[in-house]
Every structure is written in structure tokens, then in C-alpha cells.
């Protein structure tokens, strides 16, 4: 099956913002489309990070606002976002201006 979207065409921006189990806010851009509201999350009882899609909880159930139905593409986006987050955490103490935005095409997959 041919892929419709190429992971290399996605631009991911990371803003470190630890609050509770959230570690960072994530924006994903694909061409003229930009979606904010993604989050890098880390459960309190776990060392693993995961990417949470933009969602709301109007009552007692979470509703995902932007869903990526291709599990392979979602996994690739999640891996890339977590990799960028880890890189930014390492650069954070260096006062490096380039730490804010890393071109995802320069990240080996």
C-alpha cells in the first residue's frame, strides 16, 4: 500500500512546558496546515513518553480532536516528536537559539 503522507514533510516544534504529567507542548505542521495542542506526556508511574493528540474532556470522557487513522504514520510522528523533545532537553542548558526549532528532515530515522 502506497503512503499518502511522508513523515519527512512534517515539521514538529517542541515547547518544554512541564505541568503534571505533561512534559512539552507540540505543534505539527504539514504544508499549510498547522495543528497545535499535541503534548508529550509521561505517566507518574512510568518512564515512557508518549504523544497525546489534541483532545478535550467536556464531561467524563476524553474526545480526540485530531485523529491520525494510519497507525504507522502515528507511530512515526510520535517517535519523531519524542526524539526532538529529548534533543531539546539536552540542548536546553546550552542557551542555544537553534534549540527551539529542529528541522525533522535532519533527524535520522
N, C-alpha and C. Protein backbone atom coordinates (compact mmCIF):
# COMPACT_ATOMS: atom_id res chain seq x y z
N UNK A 1 0.84 -1.19 0.00
CA UNK A 1 0.00 0.00 0.00
C UNK A 1 0.88 1.25 0.00
N UNK A 2 0.60 2.16 -0.89
CA UNK A 2 1.38 3.38 -1.02
C UNK A 2 1.00 4.38 0.06
N UNK A 3 2.01 4.99 0.65
CA UNK A 3 1.77 6.00 1.68
C UNK A 3 1.34 7.31 1.03
N UNK A 4 0.31 7.92 1.61
CA UNK A 4 -0.16 9.20 1.10
C UNK A 4 0.63 10.38 1.65
N UNK A 5 1.11 10.25 2.90
CA UNK A 5 1.87 11.31 3.55
C UNK A 5 3.26 10.81 3.90
N UNK A 6 4.25 11.65 3.70
CA UNK A 6 5.63 11.30 4.01
C UNK A 6 6.03 11.98 5.31
N UNK A 7 6.52 11.20 6.27
CA UNK A 7 6.92 11.72 7.57
C UNK A 7 7.95 12.83 7.44
N UNK A 8 8.76 12.78 6.40
CA UNK A 8 9.80 13.80 6.20
C UNK A 8 9.21 15.18 5.90
N UNK A 9 7.94 15.24 5.48
CA UNK A 9 7.31 16.51 5.15
C UNK A 9 6.66 17.18 6.35
N UNK A 10 6.67 16.52 7.50
CA UNK A 10 6.08 17.09 8.71
C UNK A 10 7.14 17.90 9.47
N UNK A 11 6.77 19.09 9.90
CA UNK A 11 7.64 19.91 10.75
C UNK A 11 7.06 19.86 12.16
N UNK A 12 7.90 19.55 13.13
CA UNK A 12 7.46 19.41 14.51
C UNK A 12 8.19 20.44 15.36
N UNK A 13 7.43 21.20 16.14
CA UNK A 13 8.03 22.15 17.07
C UNK A 13 7.70 21.71 18.49
N UNK A 14 8.66 21.91 19.36
CA UNK A 14 8.55 21.47 20.75
C UNK A 14 8.73 22.67 21.67
N UNK A 15 7.82 22.82 22.63
CA UNK A 15 7.97 23.84 23.66
C UNK A 15 7.96 23.12 25.00
N UNK A 16 9.09 23.12 25.69
CA UNK A 16 9.19 22.47 27.00
C UNK A 16 8.26 23.22 27.95
N UNK A 17 7.36 22.47 28.60
CA UNK A 17 6.38 23.08 29.50
C UNK A 17 5.87 21.99 30.43
N UNK A 18 6.64 21.66 31.45
CA UNK A 18 6.27 20.58 32.36
C UNK A 18 5.19 21.04 33.34
N UNK A 19 4.06 20.36 33.29
CA UNK A 19 2.95 20.58 34.23
C UNK A 19 2.32 19.22 34.47
N UNK A 20 2.43 18.71 35.68
CA UNK A 20 1.88 17.39 35.97
C UNK A 20 2.59 16.34 35.13
N UNK A 21 1.81 15.57 34.39
CA UNK A 21 2.41 14.53 33.55
C UNK A 21 2.80 15.03 32.16
N UNK A 22 2.45 16.29 31.84
CA UNK A 22 2.84 16.87 30.55
C UNK A 22 4.30 17.33 30.63
N UNK A 23 5.07 16.98 29.62
CA UNK A 23 6.48 17.39 29.55
C UNK A 23 6.71 18.51 28.55
N UNK A 24 5.88 18.55 27.48
CA UNK A 24 6.09 19.57 26.45
C UNK A 24 4.82 19.73 25.61
N UNK A 25 4.69 20.91 25.02
CA UNK A 25 3.64 21.16 24.04
C UNK A 25 4.25 20.97 22.66
N UNK A 26 3.45 20.43 21.75
CA UNK A 26 3.96 20.08 20.43
C UNK A 26 3.04 20.67 19.36
N UNK A 27 3.66 21.25 18.33
CA UNK A 27 2.93 21.70 17.15
C UNK A 27 3.40 20.89 15.96
N UNK A 28 2.47 20.51 15.12
CA UNK A 28 2.80 19.73 13.92
C UNK A 28 2.31 20.50 12.70
N UNK A 29 3.22 20.72 11.75
CA UNK A 29 2.90 21.43 10.52
C UNK A 29 3.11 20.50 9.34
N UNK A 30 2.13 20.48 8.44
CA UNK A 30 2.24 19.74 7.20
C UNK A 30 1.78 20.68 6.10
N UNK A 31 2.73 21.21 5.33
CA UNK A 31 2.39 22.19 4.29
C UNK A 31 1.73 23.39 4.93
N UNK A 32 0.55 23.81 4.45
CA UNK A 32 -0.12 24.97 5.01
C UNK A 32 -0.94 24.67 6.28
N UNK A 33 -0.96 23.43 6.70
CA UNK A 33 -1.77 23.04 7.86
C UNK A 33 -0.90 22.96 9.10
N UNK A 34 -1.29 23.69 10.15
CA UNK A 34 -0.58 23.64 11.43
C UNK A 34 -1.59 23.27 12.51
N UNK A 35 -1.22 22.26 13.31
CA UNK A 35 -2.09 21.82 14.40
C UNK A 35 -1.30 21.89 15.69
N UNK A 36 -1.78 22.72 16.61
CA UNK A 36 -1.21 22.81 17.94
C UNK A 36 -2.05 21.98 18.89
N UNK A 37 -1.55 21.74 20.06
CA UNK A 37 -2.33 21.03 21.07
C UNK A 37 -1.86 19.62 21.33
N UNK A 38 -0.87 19.16 20.57
CA UNK A 38 -0.28 17.86 20.89
C UNK A 38 0.56 18.05 22.14
N UNK A 39 0.76 16.97 22.89
CA UNK A 39 1.56 17.04 24.11
C UNK A 39 2.44 15.80 24.24
N UNK A 40 3.64 16.01 24.74
CA UNK A 40 4.48 14.90 25.17
C UNK A 40 4.09 14.64 26.62
N UNK A 41 3.69 13.40 26.91
CA UNK A 41 3.21 13.04 28.24
C UNK A 41 4.10 11.95 28.83
N UNK A 42 4.14 11.94 30.18
CA UNK A 42 4.85 10.90 30.91
C UNK A 42 4.03 10.56 32.15
N UNK A 43 3.44 9.37 32.18
CA UNK A 43 2.68 8.97 33.37
C UNK A 43 3.57 8.97 34.62
N UNK A 44 2.99 9.28 35.77
CA UNK A 44 3.75 9.38 37.02
C UNK A 44 4.46 8.08 37.38
N UNK A 45 3.86 6.96 37.08
CA UNK A 45 4.42 5.66 37.48
C UNK A 45 5.19 4.97 36.35
N UNK A 46 5.62 5.73 35.34
CA UNK A 46 6.25 5.13 34.16
C UNK A 46 7.31 6.08 33.62
N UNK A 47 8.39 5.54 33.07
CA UNK A 47 9.43 6.36 32.46
C UNK A 47 9.21 6.60 30.97
N UNK A 48 8.24 5.91 30.38
CA UNK A 48 7.99 6.02 28.94
C UNK A 48 7.24 7.30 28.61
N UNK A 49 7.63 7.90 27.49
CA UNK A 49 6.96 9.09 26.98
C UNK A 49 6.01 8.68 25.87
N UNK A 50 4.94 9.45 25.70
CA UNK A 50 4.06 9.22 24.56
C UNK A 50 3.50 10.55 24.08
N UNK A 51 3.05 10.57 22.83
CA UNK A 51 2.46 11.76 22.22
C UNK A 51 0.96 11.68 22.36
N UNK A 52 0.37 12.71 22.93
CA UNK A 52 -1.09 12.77 23.08
C UNK A 52 -1.64 13.75 22.04
N UNK A 53 -2.66 13.31 21.32
CA UNK A 53 -3.30 14.16 20.31
C UNK A 53 -4.10 15.26 21.00
N UNK A 54 -4.38 16.36 20.29
CA UNK A 54 -5.23 17.40 20.86
C UNK A 54 -6.58 16.80 21.25
N UNK A 55 -6.99 17.07 22.47
CA UNK A 55 -8.23 16.48 22.96
C UNK A 55 -8.85 17.37 24.03
N UNK A 56 -10.12 17.14 24.28
CA UNK A 56 -10.85 17.86 25.33
C UNK A 56 -11.61 16.86 26.17
N UNK A 57 -11.99 17.27 27.37
CA UNK A 57 -12.76 16.42 28.27
C UNK A 57 -13.95 17.24 28.76
N UNK A 58 -15.00 17.34 27.94
CA UNK A 58 -16.13 18.18 28.32
C UNK A 58 -16.93 17.62 29.51
N UNK A 59 -16.92 16.34 29.68
CA UNK A 59 -17.62 15.73 30.83
C UNK A 59 -16.70 14.71 31.47
N UNK A 60 -16.98 13.45 31.31
CA UNK A 60 -16.16 12.43 31.95
C UNK A 60 -15.39 11.56 30.95
N UNK A 61 -15.38 11.94 29.68
CA UNK A 61 -14.71 11.16 28.66
C UNK A 61 -13.89 12.07 27.76
N UNK A 62 -12.64 11.65 27.47
CA UNK A 62 -11.78 12.42 26.58
C UNK A 62 -12.24 12.25 25.14
N UNK A 63 -12.23 13.36 24.39
CA UNK A 63 -12.58 13.36 22.97
C UNK A 63 -11.36 13.86 22.20
N UNK A 64 -10.84 13.02 21.31
CA UNK A 64 -9.70 13.40 20.49
C UNK A 64 -10.19 14.32 19.37
N UNK A 65 -9.55 15.49 19.24
CA UNK A 65 -9.98 16.47 18.24
C UNK A 65 -9.36 16.23 16.87
N UNK A 66 -8.14 15.74 16.84
CA UNK A 66 -7.45 15.47 15.57
C UNK A 66 -6.91 14.05 15.64
N UNK A 67 -7.45 13.20 14.80
CA UNK A 67 -7.07 11.79 14.82
C UNK A 67 -6.30 11.45 13.54
N UNK A 68 -5.22 10.71 13.71
CA UNK A 68 -4.47 10.19 12.57
C UNK A 68 -4.78 8.70 12.51
N UNK A 69 -5.52 8.30 11.50
CA UNK A 69 -6.01 6.92 11.42
C UNK A 69 -4.97 5.91 10.98
N UNK A 70 -3.87 6.37 10.39
CA UNK A 70 -2.82 5.46 9.95
C UNK A 70 -1.90 5.17 11.13
N UNK A 71 -1.96 3.96 11.71
CA UNK A 71 -1.15 3.66 12.91
C UNK A 71 0.36 3.78 12.66
N UNK A 72 0.79 3.47 11.46
CA UNK A 72 2.22 3.56 11.13
C UNK A 72 2.67 5.02 11.11
N UNK A 73 1.86 5.90 10.50
CA UNK A 73 2.18 7.32 10.46
C UNK A 73 2.16 7.89 11.88
N UNK A 74 1.18 7.51 12.68
CA UNK A 74 1.09 7.99 14.06
C UNK A 74 2.35 7.58 14.84
N UNK A 75 2.78 6.33 14.68
CA UNK A 75 3.97 5.84 15.38
C UNK A 75 5.19 6.64 14.95
N UNK A 76 5.32 6.90 13.64
CA UNK A 76 6.45 7.69 13.14
C UNK A 76 6.44 9.11 13.71
N UNK A 77 5.25 9.75 13.75
CA UNK A 77 5.15 11.10 14.30
C UNK A 77 5.50 11.11 15.79
N UNK A 78 5.00 10.11 16.50
CA UNK A 78 5.27 10.03 17.94
C UNK A 78 6.78 9.86 18.19
N UNK A 79 7.41 8.96 17.45
CA UNK A 79 8.85 8.73 17.61
C UNK A 79 9.65 9.99 17.30
N UNK A 80 9.27 10.68 16.24
CA UNK A 80 9.99 11.89 15.84
C UNK A 80 9.81 12.99 16.89
N UNK A 81 8.60 13.16 17.41
CA UNK A 81 8.33 14.18 18.42
C UNK A 81 9.11 13.89 19.70
N UNK A 82 9.14 12.64 20.12
CA UNK A 82 9.87 12.28 21.34
C UNK A 82 11.37 12.45 21.15
N UNK A 83 11.87 12.11 19.96
CA UNK A 83 13.28 12.31 19.66
C UNK A 83 13.64 13.80 19.73
N UNK A 84 12.80 14.64 19.12
CA UNK A 84 13.03 16.09 19.17
C UNK A 84 12.97 16.61 20.59
N UNK A 85 12.02 16.12 21.38
CA UNK A 85 11.90 16.51 22.78
C UNK A 85 13.19 16.17 23.53
N UNK A 86 13.67 14.95 23.36
CA UNK A 86 14.90 14.54 24.04
C UNK A 86 16.10 15.38 23.61
N UNK A 87 16.17 15.72 22.33
CA UNK A 87 17.24 16.58 21.84
C UNK A 87 17.14 17.97 22.46
N UNK A 88 15.94 18.48 22.56
CA UNK A 88 15.75 19.83 23.11
C UNK A 88 16.09 19.86 24.59
N UNK A 89 15.74 18.81 25.31
CA UNK A 89 16.09 18.73 26.73
C UNK A 89 17.62 18.78 26.90
N UNK A 90 18.33 18.08 26.03
CA UNK A 90 19.80 18.08 26.10
C UNK A 90 20.38 19.46 25.78
N UNK A 91 19.75 20.18 24.84
CA UNK A 91 20.25 21.49 24.43
C UNK A 91 19.78 22.62 25.35
N UNK A 92 18.79 22.37 26.15
CA UNK A 92 18.15 23.42 26.95
C UNK A 92 19.15 24.19 27.81
N UNK A 93 20.11 23.53 28.38
CA UNK A 93 21.06 24.20 29.25
C UNK A 93 22.14 24.96 28.51
N UNK A 94 22.18 24.86 27.17
CA UNK A 94 23.24 25.49 26.39
C UNK A 94 22.90 26.88 25.89
N UNK A 95 21.68 27.38 26.17
CA UNK A 95 21.23 28.67 25.65
C UNK A 95 21.42 28.76 24.14
N UNK A 96 21.11 27.67 23.46
CA UNK A 96 21.28 27.58 22.01
C UNK A 96 20.00 28.05 21.33
N UNK A 97 20.09 29.08 20.50
CA UNK A 97 18.92 29.61 19.79
C UNK A 97 18.30 28.56 18.89
N UNK A 98 19.11 27.66 18.32
CA UNK A 98 18.59 26.64 17.41
C UNK A 98 17.80 25.55 18.14
N UNK A 99 17.81 25.56 19.45
CA UNK A 99 17.09 24.52 20.20
C UNK A 99 15.59 24.63 20.00
N UNK A 100 15.07 25.81 19.70
CA UNK A 100 13.62 25.99 19.58
C UNK A 100 13.04 25.22 18.39
N UNK A 101 13.76 25.18 17.30
CA UNK A 101 13.23 24.53 16.10
C UNK A 101 14.32 23.69 15.46
N UNK A 102 14.06 22.41 15.35
CA UNK A 102 15.00 21.49 14.70
C UNK A 102 14.29 20.96 13.46
N UNK A 103 14.97 21.00 12.32
CA UNK A 103 14.39 20.51 11.08
C UNK A 103 14.27 18.99 11.16
N UNK A 104 13.05 18.43 11.12
CA UNK A 104 12.89 16.98 11.25
C UNK A 104 13.54 16.20 10.11
N UNK A 105 13.81 16.83 8.98
CA UNK A 105 14.47 16.13 7.87
C UNK A 105 15.93 15.84 8.20
N UNK A 106 16.47 16.52 9.22
CA UNK A 106 17.85 16.28 9.60
C UNK A 106 17.99 15.20 10.66
N UNK A 107 16.88 14.63 11.09
CA UNK A 107 16.90 13.60 12.12
C UNK A 107 16.91 12.23 11.44
N UNK A 108 17.90 11.41 11.72
CA UNK A 108 17.92 10.08 11.12
C UNK A 108 16.81 9.23 11.70
N UNK A 109 16.17 8.45 10.85
CA UNK A 109 15.09 7.56 11.31
C UNK A 109 15.51 6.14 11.17
